[in-house]
């Protein structure tokens, strides 16, 4: 039962925690301003999980959570766009930036050559996709 409680806390934390520390590749590409919602999030939603203490987490887990936090905040902003095309593209930009962040954590902390190769491929492929989608936003969103 205690394991279930810990698992639940971690699952809720994963869903709630979403960071503002950009990854190396993600730092080179900013989430487009045109993807940010005009609507601000309520303080409760924006701060959800922000101050959670998780002392049992490893550095790898903490870094992964930080990437998830940034992705989640950006996806929520993008999905608030009224135009379904813009909402989709902005959501995908945030999603891909989250994948890049996760892959960078794997490169930093992982030991398995295959997993690290997959992480590098994700960084390469999704960086290109973020650039393409961001160009679409720059061109199409007024």
Protein backbone atom coordinates (compact mmCIF):
# COMPACT_ATOMS: atom_id res chain seq x y z
CA UNK A 1 0.00 0.00 0.00
CA UNK A 2 2.86 2.36 0.80
CA UNK A 3 4.33 1.60 -2.63
CA UNK A 4 1.00 2.47 -4.23
CA UNK A 5 0.94 5.75 -2.31
CA UNK A 6 4.49 6.58 -3.41
CA UNK A 7 3.62 5.63 -6.99
CA UNK A 8 0.54 7.82 -6.85
CA UNK A 9 2.54 10.74 -5.53
CA UNK A 10 5.10 10.30 -8.29
CA UNK A 11 2.39 9.97 -10.96
CA UNK A 12 0.61 13.09 -9.71
CA UNK A 13 3.95 14.86 -9.51
CA UNK A 14 4.80 13.89 -13.07
CA UNK A 15 1.48 15.26 -14.23
CA UNK A 16 1.77 18.43 -12.19
CA UNK A 17 5.45 19.22 -12.43
CA UNK A 18 6.24 20.97 -15.60
CA UNK A 19 10.32 23.48 -15.40
CA UNK A 20 11.72 26.54 -16.67
CA UNK A 21 15.31 25.31 -16.94
CA UNK A 22 15.83 24.91 -20.67
CA UNK A 23 17.89 22.07 -22.06
CA UNK A 24 20.91 22.77 -24.26
CA UNK A 25 19.08 22.18 -27.57
CA UNK A 26 15.85 23.63 -26.24
CA UNK A 27 17.77 26.70 -25.04
CA UNK A 28 18.78 27.33 -28.64
CA UNK A 29 15.12 27.38 -29.64
CA UNK A 30 12.59 29.33 -27.68
CA UNK A 31 8.92 28.45 -27.55
CA UNK A 32 7.35 30.88 -30.06
CA UNK A 33 5.65 33.93 -28.58
CA UNK A 34 2.81 33.44 -31.06
CA UNK A 35 2.09 30.09 -29.41
CA UNK A 36 1.61 31.58 -25.98
CA UNK A 37 -1.98 32.06 -24.98
CA UNK A 38 -3.54 35.43 -24.38
CA UNK A 39 -5.26 33.77 -21.46
CA UNK A 40 -3.16 33.53 -18.34
CA UNK A 41 -3.34 30.44 -16.22
CA UNK A 42 -4.82 30.71 -12.78
CA UNK A 43 -2.27 30.85 -10.00
CA UNK A 44 -3.35 27.41 -8.84
CA UNK A 45 -2.77 25.86 -12.26
CA UNK A 46 0.49 27.66 -12.94
CA UNK A 47 1.97 26.82 -9.53
CA UNK A 48 0.66 23.27 -9.29
CA UNK A 49 3.46 21.08 -8.04
CA UNK A 50 6.01 23.89 -8.22
CA UNK A 51 7.11 23.62 -4.60
CA UNK A 52 6.81 19.86 -4.23
CA UNK A 53 9.63 18.29 -2.28
CA UNK A 54 10.79 14.94 -3.60
CA UNK A 55 13.96 14.12 -1.69
CA UNK A 56 14.15 10.53 -2.94
CA UNK A 57 14.51 11.58 -6.57
CA UNK A 58 17.83 11.12 -8.34
CA UNK A 59 19.48 13.92 -10.31
CA UNK A 60 18.30 12.17 -13.47
CA UNK A 61 14.70 12.17 -12.24
CA UNK A 62 14.86 15.79 -11.13
CA UNK A 63 16.23 16.89 -14.51
CA UNK A 64 13.58 14.86 -16.32
CA UNK A 65 10.87 16.45 -14.20
CA UNK A 66 12.18 19.91 -15.00
CA UNK A 67 11.89 19.17 -18.72
CA UNK A 68 8.38 17.82 -18.24
CA UNK A 69 7.40 20.98 -16.40
CA UNK A 70 8.51 23.25 -19.24
CA UNK A 71 6.82 21.04 -21.83
CA UNK A 72 3.55 20.92 -19.92
CA UNK A 73 3.37 24.68 -19.38
CA UNK A 74 4.07 25.36 -23.05
CA UNK A 75 1.62 22.70 -24.26
CA UNK A 76 -1.13 24.16 -22.09
CA UNK A 77 -0.43 27.60 -23.52
CA UNK A 78 -0.39 26.35 -27.11
CA UNK A 79 -3.53 24.28 -26.75
CA UNK A 80 -5.45 27.38 -25.64
CA UNK A 81 -5.19 28.89 -29.11
CA UNK A 82 -8.62 29.26 -30.74
CA UNK A 83 -7.46 28.10 -34.19
CA UNK A 84 -7.18 24.28 -34.28
CA UNK A 85 -4.23 24.35 -36.69
CA UNK A 86 -2.29 26.78 -34.52
CA UNK A 87 -3.21 24.84 -31.39
CA UNK A 88 -1.95 21.60 -32.96
CA UNK A 89 1.30 23.06 -34.25
CA UNK A 90 2.05 24.91 -31.02
CA UNK A 91 1.26 21.81 -29.00
CA UNK A 92 3.59 19.75 -31.18
CA UNK A 93 6.39 22.30 -30.79
CA UNK A 94 6.13 22.01 -27.01
CA UNK A 95 5.85 18.22 -27.23
CA UNK A 96 8.97 17.95 -29.39
CA UNK A 97 10.89 20.33 -27.14
CA UNK A 98 9.96 18.08 -24.23
CA UNK A 99 11.26 15.03 -26.12
CA UNK A 100 14.51 16.87 -26.83
CA UNK A 101 14.87 17.71 -23.14
CA UNK A 102 14.26 14.07 -22.15
CA UNK A 103 16.79 12.88 -24.72
CA UNK A 104 19.41 15.31 -23.41
CA UNK A 105 18.94 13.91 -19.91
CA UNK A 106 19.51 10.42 -21.33
CA UNK A 107 22.73 11.55 -23.04
CA UNK A 108 23.95 13.10 -19.80
CA UNK A 109 23.04 10.26 -17.44
CA UNK A 110 22.48 7.12 -19.50
CA UNK A 111 24.93 4.27 -19.93
CA UNK A 112 23.41 2.18 -22.71
CA UNK A 113 24.84 2.91 -26.18
CA UNK A 114 21.59 2.04 -27.98
CA UNK A 115 19.50 4.25 -25.71
CA UNK A 116 21.98 7.09 -26.12
CA UNK A 117 21.97 6.66 -29.92
CA UNK A 118 18.16 6.79 -29.87
CA UNK A 119 18.34 9.93 -27.74
CA UNK A 120 20.71 11.61 -30.18
CA UNK A 121 18.44 10.69 -33.11
CA UNK A 122 15.47 12.19 -31.27
CA UNK A 123 17.43 15.40 -30.67
CA UNK A 124 18.47 15.63 -34.32
CA UNK A 125 15.06 14.76 -35.80
CA UNK A 126 12.90 16.74 -33.44
CA UNK A 127 15.13 19.81 -33.48
CA UNK A 128 14.54 19.92 -37.24
CA UNK A 129 10.78 19.45 -36.72
CA UNK A 130 10.65 22.23 -34.11
CA UNK A 131 12.42 24.54 -36.56
CA UNK A 132 9.96 23.62 -39.36
CA UNK A 133 6.91 24.05 -37.14
CA UNK A 134 8.23 27.33 -35.74
CA UNK A 135 8.73 28.60 -39.31
CA UNK A 136 5.09 27.68 -40.02
CA UNK A 137 3.97 29.63 -36.94
CA UNK A 138 6.08 32.65 -37.99
CA UNK A 139 4.54 32.56 -41.46
CA UNK A 140 0.91 31.64 -40.72
CA UNK A 141 0.03 33.07 -37.33
CA UNK A 142 -0.84 36.74 -37.37
